[in-house]
Amino acid sequence: MKNINAQINKVEVAALVTKRASMLQAKTAAVNLGDETLVLLKMMVALCGELKQESQQAIKELEELKKLIELTSD
């Protein structure tokens, strides 16, 4: 999560630089903003993948617990 917060800060700084850039530097600043945003998106995709796996595991464990509860309540 620390990496994602750092990347969000980079994107924010890149956005500020793009906003303040002169016309000559605007293209470079815009490319930099795009690059940093792409890195952030890739990090978020990886995080979503991890969350999906953890959610699937939690669902399996919950189903097992429900079965155990049913067996013990009979």
PDB file of N, CA and C in Angstrom:
ATOM      1  N   MET A   1       0.830  -1.195   0.000  1.00  0.00           N
ATOM      2  CA  MET A   1       0.000   0.000   0.000  1.00  0.00           C
ATOM      3  C   MET A   1       0.871   1.255   0.000  1.00  0.00           C
ATOM      4  N   LYS A   2       2.020   1.165   0.649  1.00  0.00           N
ATOM      5  CA  LYS A   2       2.942   2.302   0.695  1.00  0.00           C
ATOM      6  C   LYS A   2       3.391   2.675  -0.722  1.00  0.00           C
ATOM      7  N   ASN A   3       3.634   1.636  -1.559  1.00  0.00           N
ATOM      8  CA  ASN A   3       4.053   1.882  -2.940  1.00  0.00           C
ATOM      9  C   ASN A   3       2.967   2.599  -3.730  1.00  0.00           C
ATOM     10  N   ILE A   4       1.719   2.216  -3.497  1.00  0.00           N
ATOM     11  CA  ILE A   4       0.615   2.839  -4.224  1.00  0.00           C
ATOM     12  C   ILE A   4       0.471   4.299  -3.805  1.00  0.00           C
ATOM     13  N   ASN A   5       0.582   4.574  -2.513  1.00  0.00           N
ATOM     14  CA  ASN A   5       0.514   5.971  -2.057  1.00  0.00           C
ATOM     15  C   ASN A   5       1.646   6.801  -2.648  1.00  0.00           C
ATOM     16  N   ALA A   6       2.839   6.228  -2.711  1.00  0.00           N
ATOM     17  CA  ALA A   6       3.975   6.939  -3.307  1.00  0.00           C
ATOM     18  C   ALA A   6       3.719   7.205  -4.783  1.00  0.00           C
ATOM     19  N   GLN A   7       3.141   6.222  -5.474  1.00  0.00           N
ATOM     20  CA  GLN A   7       2.865   6.402  -6.898  1.00  0.00           C
ATOM     21  C   GLN A   7       1.775   7.440  -7.117  1.00  0.00           C
ATOM     22  N   ILE A   8       0.777   7.454  -6.249  1.00  0.00           N
ATOM     23  CA  ILE A   8      -0.264   8.486  -6.354  1.00  0.00           C
ATOM     24  C   ILE A   8       0.367   9.863  -6.203  1.00  0.00           C
ATOM     25  N   ASN A   9       1.298   9.998  -5.279  1.00  0.00           N
ATOM     26  CA  ASN A   9       1.992  11.278  -5.100  1.00  0.00           C
ATOM     27  C   ASN A   9       2.775  11.662  -6.352  1.00  0.00           C
ATOM     28  N   LYS A  10       3.422  10.671  -6.985  1.00  0.00           N
ATOM     29  CA  LYS A  10       4.156  10.951  -8.223  1.00  0.00           C
ATOM     30  C   LYS A  10       3.218  11.451  -9.314  1.00  0.00           C
ATOM     31  N   VAL A  11       2.057  10.807  -9.420  1.00  0.00           N
ATOM     32  CA  VAL A  11       1.084  11.230 -10.431  1.00  0.00           C
ATOM     33  C   VAL A  11       0.604  12.646 -10.136  1.00  0.00           C
ATOM     34  N   GLU A  12       0.357  12.952  -8.865  1.00  0.00           N
ATOM     35  CA  GLU A  12      -0.078  14.296  -8.499  1.00  0.00           C
ATOM     36  C   GLU A  12       0.988  15.331  -8.845  1.00  0.00           C
ATOM     37  N   VAL A  13       2.242  15.022  -8.560  1.00  0.00           N
ATOM     38  CA  VAL A  13       3.337  15.948  -8.881  1.00  0.00           C
ATOM     39  C   VAL A  13       3.461  16.105 -10.387  1.00  0.00           C
ATOM     40  N   ALA A  14       3.371  14.985 -11.110  1.00  0.00           N
ATOM     41  CA  ALA A  14       3.460  15.056 -12.568  1.00  0.00           C
ATOM     42  C   ALA A  14       2.314  15.897 -13.132  1.00  0.00           C
ATOM     43  N   ALA A  15       1.131  15.784 -12.535  1.00  0.00           N
ATOM     44  CA  ALA A  15      -0.006  16.589 -12.990  1.00  0.00           C
ATOM     45  C   ALA A  15       0.244  18.074 -12.737  1.00  0.00           C
ATOM     46  N   LEU A  16       0.819  18.391 -11.578  1.00  0.00           N
ATOM     47  CA  LEU A  16       1.134  19.794 -11.277  1.00  0.00           C
ATOM     48  C   LEU A  16       2.193  20.345 -12.230  1.00  0.00           C
ATOM     49  N   VAL A  17       3.200  19.536 -12.513  1.00  0.00           N
ATOM     50  CA  VAL A  17       4.253  19.962 -13.439  1.00  0.00           C
ATOM     51  C   VAL A  17       3.655  20.199 -14.821  1.00  0.00           C
ATOM     52  N   THR A  18       2.780  19.305 -15.244  1.00  0.00           N
ATOM     53  CA  THR A  18       2.134  19.462 -16.552  1.00  0.00           C
ATOM     54  C   THR A  18       1.331  20.749 -16.600  1.00  0.00           C
ATOM     55  N   LYS A  19       0.621  21.026 -15.524  1.00  0.00           N
ATOM     56  CA  LYS A  19      -0.212  22.227 -15.457  1.00  0.00           C
ATOM     57  C   LYS A  19       0.633  23.491 -15.541  1.00  0.00           C
ATOM     58  N   ARG A  20       1.802  23.453 -14.913  1.00  0.00           N
ATOM     59  CA  ARG A  20       2.645  24.656 -14.842  1.00  0.00           C
ATOM     60  C   ARG A  20       3.667  24.746 -15.969  1.00  0.00           C
ATOM     61  N   ALA A  21       3.769  23.724 -16.770  1.00  0.00           N
ATOM     62  CA  ALA A  21       4.823  23.680 -17.800  1.00  0.00           C
ATOM     63  C   ALA A  21       4.580  24.738 -18.876  1.00  0.00           C
ATOM     64  N   SER A  22       5.697  25.227 -19.420  1.00  0.00           N
ATOM     65  CA  SER A  22       5.585  26.150 -20.550  1.00  0.00           C
ATOM     66  C   SER A  22       5.209  25.351 -21.790  1.00  0.00           C
ATOM     67  N   MET A  23       4.862  26.022 -22.841  1.00  0.00           N
ATOM     68  CA  MET A  23       4.442  25.338 -24.059  1.00  0.00           C
ATOM     69  C   MET A  23       5.543  24.424 -24.596  1.00  0.00           C
ATOM     70  N   LEU A  24       6.788  24.797 -24.434  1.00  0.00           N
ATOM     71  CA  LEU A  24       7.895  23.970 -24.927  1.00  0.00           C
ATOM     72  C   LEU A  24       8.059  22.701 -24.112  1.00  0.00           C
ATOM     73  N   GLN A  25       7.756  22.780 -22.831  1.00  0.00           N
ATOM     74  CA  GLN A  25       7.934  21.636 -21.957  1.00  0.00           C
ATOM     75  C   GLN A  25       6.652  20.823 -21.777  1.00  0.00           C
ATOM     76  N   ALA A  26       5.552  21.319 -22.286  1.00  0.00           N
ATOM     77  CA  ALA A  26       4.258  20.691 -22.042  1.00  0.00           C
ATOM     78  C   ALA A  26       4.201  19.264 -22.565  1.00  0.00           C
ATOM     79  N   LYS A  27       4.773  19.035 -23.742  1.00  0.00           N
ATOM     80  CA  LYS A  27       4.723  17.689 -24.317  1.00  0.00           C
ATOM     81  C   LYS A  27       5.482  16.695 -23.434  1.00  0.00           C
ATOM     82  N   THR A  28       6.658  17.067 -22.975  1.00  0.00           N
ATOM     83  CA  THR A  28       7.450  16.196 -22.104  1.00  0.00           C
ATOM     84  C   THR A  28       6.728  15.953 -20.786  1.00  0.00           C
ATOM     85  N   ALA A  29       6.163  17.004 -20.230  1.00  0.00           N
ATOM     86  CA  ALA A  29       5.445  16.875 -18.964  1.00  0.00           C
ATOM     87  C   ALA A  29       4.218  15.982 -19.132  1.00  0.00           C
ATOM     88  N   ALA A  30       3.522  16.101 -20.246  1.00  0.00           N
ATOM     89  CA  ALA A  30       2.343  15.276 -20.492  1.00  0.00           C
ATOM     90  C   ALA A  30       2.729  13.808 -20.649  1.00  0.00           C
ATOM     91  N   VAL A  31       3.830  13.548 -21.330  1.00  0.00           N
ATOM     92  CA  VAL A  31       4.311  12.173 -21.481  1.00  0.00           C
ATOM     93  C   VAL A  31       4.676  11.603 -20.116  1.00  0.00           C
ATOM     94  N   ASN A  32       5.353  12.399 -19.285  1.00  0.00           N
ATOM     95  CA  ASN A  32       5.718  11.969 -17.945  1.00  0.00           C
ATOM     96  C   ASN A  32       4.476  11.656 -17.116  1.00  0.00           C
ATOM     97  N   LEU A  33       3.467  12.514 -17.202  1.00  0.00           N
ATOM     98  CA  LEU A  33       2.204  12.282 -16.485  1.00  0.00           C
ATOM     99  C   LEU A  33       1.572  10.974 -16.948  1.00  0.00           C
ATOM    100  N   GLY A  34       1.567  10.742 -18.244  1.00  0.00           N
ATOM    101  CA  GLY A  34       1.015   9.496 -18.774  1.00  0.00           C
ATOM    102  C   GLY A  34       1.777   8.276 -18.288  1.00  0.00           C
ATOM    103  N   ASP A  35       3.102   8.378 -18.274  1.00  0.00           N
ATOM    104  CA  ASP A  35       3.937   7.262 -17.805  1.00  0.00           C
ATOM    105  C   ASP A  35       3.665   6.944 -16.342  1.00  0.00           C
ATOM    106  N   GLU A  36       3.621   7.972 -15.513  1.00  0.00           N
ATOM    107  CA  GLU A  36       3.398   7.770 -14.079  1.00  0.00           C
ATOM    108  C   GLU A  36       1.988   7.228 -13.818  1.00  0.00           C
ATOM    109  N   THR A  37       1.035   7.693 -14.596  1.00  0.00           N
ATOM    110  CA  THR A  37      -0.335   7.200 -14.449  1.00  0.00           C
ATOM    111  C   THR A  37      -0.417   5.731 -14.849  1.00  0.00           C
ATOM    112  N   LEU A  38       0.291   5.363 -15.908  1.00  0.00           N
ATOM    113  CA  LEU A  38       0.313   3.971 -16.345  1.00  0.00           C
ATOM    114  C   LEU A  38       0.913   3.071 -15.264  1.00  0.00           C
ATOM    115  N   VAL A  39       1.989   3.515 -14.629  1.00  0.00           N
ATOM    116  CA  VAL A  39       2.588   2.749 -13.538  1.00  0.00           C
ATOM    117  C   VAL A  39       1.573   2.567 -12.409  1.00  0.00           C
ATOM    118  N   LEU A  40       0.867   3.640 -12.070  1.00  0.00           N
ATOM    119  CA  LEU A  40      -0.143   3.574 -11.013  1.00  0.00           C
ATOM    120  C   LEU A  40      -1.249   2.582 -11.383  1.00  0.00           C
ATOM    121  N   LEU A  41      -1.705   2.629 -12.617  1.00  0.00           N
ATOM    122  CA  LEU A  41      -2.751   1.702 -13.055  1.00  0.00           C
ATOM    123  C   LEU A  41      -2.286   0.257 -12.966  1.00  0.00           C
ATOM    124  N   LYS A  42      -1.049   0.002 -13.357  1.00  0.00           N
ATOM    125  CA  LYS A  42      -0.511  -1.359 -13.262  1.00  0.00           C
ATOM    126  C   LYS A  42      -0.438  -1.824 -11.810  1.00  0.00           C
ATOM    127  N   MET A  43      -0.066  -0.921 -10.913  1.00  0.00           N
ATOM    128  CA  MET A  43      -0.019  -1.272  -9.495  1.00  0.00           C
ATOM    129  C   MET A  43      -1.418  -1.587  -8.981  1.00  0.00           C
ATOM    130  N   MET A  44      -2.389  -0.801  -9.408  1.00  0.00           N
ATOM    131  CA  MET A  44      -3.769  -1.021  -8.967  1.00  0.00           C
ATOM    132  C   MET A  44      -4.309  -2.344  -9.514  1.00  0.00           C
ATOM    133  N   VAL A  45      -3.968  -2.676 -10.756  1.00  0.00           N
ATOM    134  CA  VAL A  45      -4.397  -3.952 -11.334  1.00  0.00           C
ATOM    135  C   VAL A  45      -3.817  -5.110 -10.532  1.00  0.00           C
ATOM    136  N   ALA A  46      -2.539  -5.003 -10.184  1.00  0.00           N
ATOM    137  CA  ALA A  46      -1.904  -6.056  -9.382  1.00  0.00           C
ATOM    138  C   ALA A  46      -2.587  -6.179  -8.020  1.00  0.00           C
ATOM    139  N   LEU A  47      -2.887  -5.051  -7.414  1.00  0.00           N
ATOM    140  CA  LEU A  47      -3.566  -5.058  -6.112  1.00  0.00           C
ATOM    141  C   LEU A  47      -4.950  -5.683  -6.230  1.00  0.00           C
ATOM    142  N   CYS A  48      -5.667  -5.358  -7.282  1.00  0.00           N
ATOM    143  CA  CYS A  48      -6.999  -5.950  -7.490  1.00  0.00           C
ATOM    144  C   CYS A  48      -6.897  -7.464  -7.657  1.00  0.00           C
ATOM    145  N   GLY A  49      -5.859  -7.921  -8.339  1.00  0.00           N
ATOM    146  CA  GLY A  49      -5.657  -9.360  -8.498  1.00  0.00           C
ATOM    147  C   GLY A  49      -5.424 -10.033  -7.155  1.00  0.00           C
ATOM    148  N   GLU A  50      -4.619  -9.399  -6.313  1.00  0.00           N
ATOM    149  CA  GLU A  50      -4.364  -9.942  -4.976  1.00  0.00           C
ATOM    150  C   GLU A  50      -5.654  -9.970  -4.154  1.00  0.00           C
ATOM    151  N   LEU A  51      -6.419  -8.893  -4.232  1.00  0.00           N
ATOM    152  CA  LEU A  51      -7.676  -8.824  -3.486  1.00  0.00           C
ATOM    153  C   LEU A  51      -8.661  -9.887  -3.967  1.00  0.00           C
ATOM    154  N   LYS A  52      -8.678 -10.134  -5.260  1.00  0.00           N
ATOM    155  CA  LYS A  52      -9.570 -11.160  -5.802  1.00  0.00           C
ATOM    156  C   LYS A  52      -9.201 -12.530  -5.243  1.00  0.00           C
ATOM    157  N   GLN A  53      -7.900 -12.838  -5.227  1.00  0.00           N
ATOM    158  CA  GLN A  53      -7.455 -14.125  -4.696  1.00  0.00           C
ATOM    159  C   GLN A  53      -7.799 -14.248  -3.214  1.00  0.00           C
ATOM    160  N   GLU A  54      -7.561 -13.192  -2.462  1.00  0.00           N
ATOM    161  CA  GLU A  54      -7.862 -13.217  -1.030  1.00  0.00           C
ATOM    162  C   GLU A  54      -9.367 -13.354  -0.793  1.00  0.00           C
ATOM    163  N   SER A  55     -10.168 -12.703  -1.607  1.00  0.00           N
ATOM    164  CA  SER A  55     -11.623 -12.804  -1.472  1.00  0.00           C
ATOM    165  C   SER A  55     -12.096 -14.221  -1.768  1.00  0.00           C
ATOM    166  N   GLN A  56     -11.538 -14.821  -2.816  1.00  0.00           N
ATOM    167  CA  GLN A  56     -11.912 -16.193  -3.159  1.00  0.00           C
ATOM    168  C   GLN A  56     -11.540 -17.151  -2.032  1.00  0.00           C
ATOM    169  N   GLN A  57     -10.380 -16.940  -1.432  1.00  0.00           N
ATOM    170  CA  GLN A  57      -9.954 -17.780  -0.320  1.00  0.00           C
ATOM    171  C   GLN A  57     -10.879 -17.583   0.885  1.00  0.00           C
ATOM    172  N   ALA A  58     -11.250 -16.358   1.154  1.00  0.00           N
ATOM    173  CA  ALA A  58     -12.150 -16.076   2.276  1.00  0.00           C
ATOM    174  C   ALA A  58     -13.519 -16.718   2.051  1.00  0.00           C
ATOM    175  N   ILE A  59     -14.003 -16.697   0.821  1.00  0.00           N
ATOM    176  CA  ILE A  59     -15.287 -17.327   0.503  1.00  0.00           C
ATOM    177  C   ILE A  59     -15.220 -18.829   0.749  1.00  0.00           C
ATOM    178  N   LYS A  60     -14.121 -19.448   0.321  1.00  0.00           N
ATOM    179  CA  LYS A  60     -13.955 -20.891   0.547  1.00  0.00           C
ATOM    180  C   LYS A  60     -13.943 -21.215   2.042  1.00  0.00           C
ATOM    181  N   GLU A  61     -13.198 -20.414   2.797  1.00  0.00           N
ATOM    182  CA  GLU A  61     -13.114 -20.645   4.233  1.00  0.00           C
ATOM    183  C   GLU A  61     -14.472 -20.434   4.903  1.00  0.00           C
ATOM    184  N   LEU A  62     -15.230 -19.450   4.455  1.00  0.00           N
ATOM    185  CA  LEU A  62     -16.558 -19.204   5.006  1.00  0.00           C
ATOM    186  C   LEU A  62     -17.493 -20.379   4.715  1.00  0.00           C
ATOM    187  N   GLU A  63     -17.413 -20.908   3.501  1.00  0.00           N
ATOM    188  CA  GLU A  63     -18.239 -22.063   3.152  1.00  0.00           C
ATOM    189  C   GLU A  63     -17.889 -23.261   4.027  1.00  0.00           C
ATOM    190  N   GLU A  64     -16.599 -23.469   4.285  1.00  0.00           N
ATOM    191  CA  GLU A  64     -16.174 -24.569   5.161  1.00  0.00           C
ATOM    192  C   GLU A  64     -16.709 -24.367   6.584  1.00  0.00           C
ATOM    193  N   LEU A  65     -16.652 -23.131   7.066  1.00  0.00           N
ATOM    194  CA  LEU A  65     -17.169 -22.834   8.408  1.00  0.00           C
ATOM    195  C   LEU A  65     -18.674 -23.079   8.487  1.00  0.00           C
ATOM    196  N   LYS A  66     -19.396 -22.695   7.442  1.00  0.00           N
ATOM    197  CA  LYS A  66     -20.845 -22.930   7.421  1.00  0.00           C
ATOM    198  C   LYS A  66     -21.144 -24.421   7.491  1.00  0.00           C
ATOM    199  N   LYS A  67     -20.380 -25.220   6.771  1.00  0.00           N
ATOM    200  CA  LYS A  67     -20.574 -26.670   6.791  1.00  0.00           C
ATOM    201  C   LYS A  67     -20.312 -27.229   8.191  1.00  0.00           C
ATOM    202  N   LEU A  68     -19.243 -26.737   8.825  1.00  0.00           N
ATOM    203  CA  LEU A  68     -18.938 -27.186  10.183  1.00  0.00           C
ATOM    204  C   LEU A  68     -20.038 -26.804  11.160  1.00  0.00           C
ATOM    205  N   ILE A  69     -20.564 -25.620  11.029  1.00  0.00           N
ATOM    206  CA  ILE A  69     -21.648 -25.160  11.896  1.00  0.00           C
ATOM    207  C   ILE A  69     -22.885 -26.037  11.712  1.00  0.00           C
ATOM    208  N   GLU A  70     -23.194 -26.347  10.462  1.00  0.00           N
ATOM    209  CA  GLU A  70     -24.350 -27.199  10.167  1.00  0.00           C
ATOM    210  C   GLU A  70     -24.162 -28.592  10.788  1.00  0.00           C
ATOM    211  N   LEU A  71     -22.939 -29.121  10.698  1.00  0.00           N
ATOM    212  CA  LEU A  71     -22.671 -30.453  11.248  1.00  0.00           C
ATOM    213  C   LEU A  71     -22.776 -30.459  12.768  1.00  0.00           C
ATOM    214  N   THR A  72     -22.318 -29.410  13.390  1.00  0.00           N
ATOM    215  CA  THR A  72     -22.323 -29.372  14.864  1.00  0.00           C
ATOM    216  C   THR A  72     -23.683 -28.989  15.427  1.00  0.00           C
ATOM    217  N   SER A  73     -24.508 -28.319  14.633  1.00  0.00           N
ATOM    218  CA  SER A  73     -25.813 -27.906  15.146  1.00  0.00           C
ATOM    219  C   SER A  73     -26.865 -29.017  15.035  1.00  0.00           C
ATOM    220  N   ASP A  74     -26.559 -30.052  14.284  1.00  0.00           N
ATOM    221  CA  ASP A  74     -27.531 -31.164  14.123  1.00  0.00           C
ATOM    222  C   ASP A  74     -27.588 -32.067  15.300  1.00  0.00           C
TER     223      ASP A  74
END
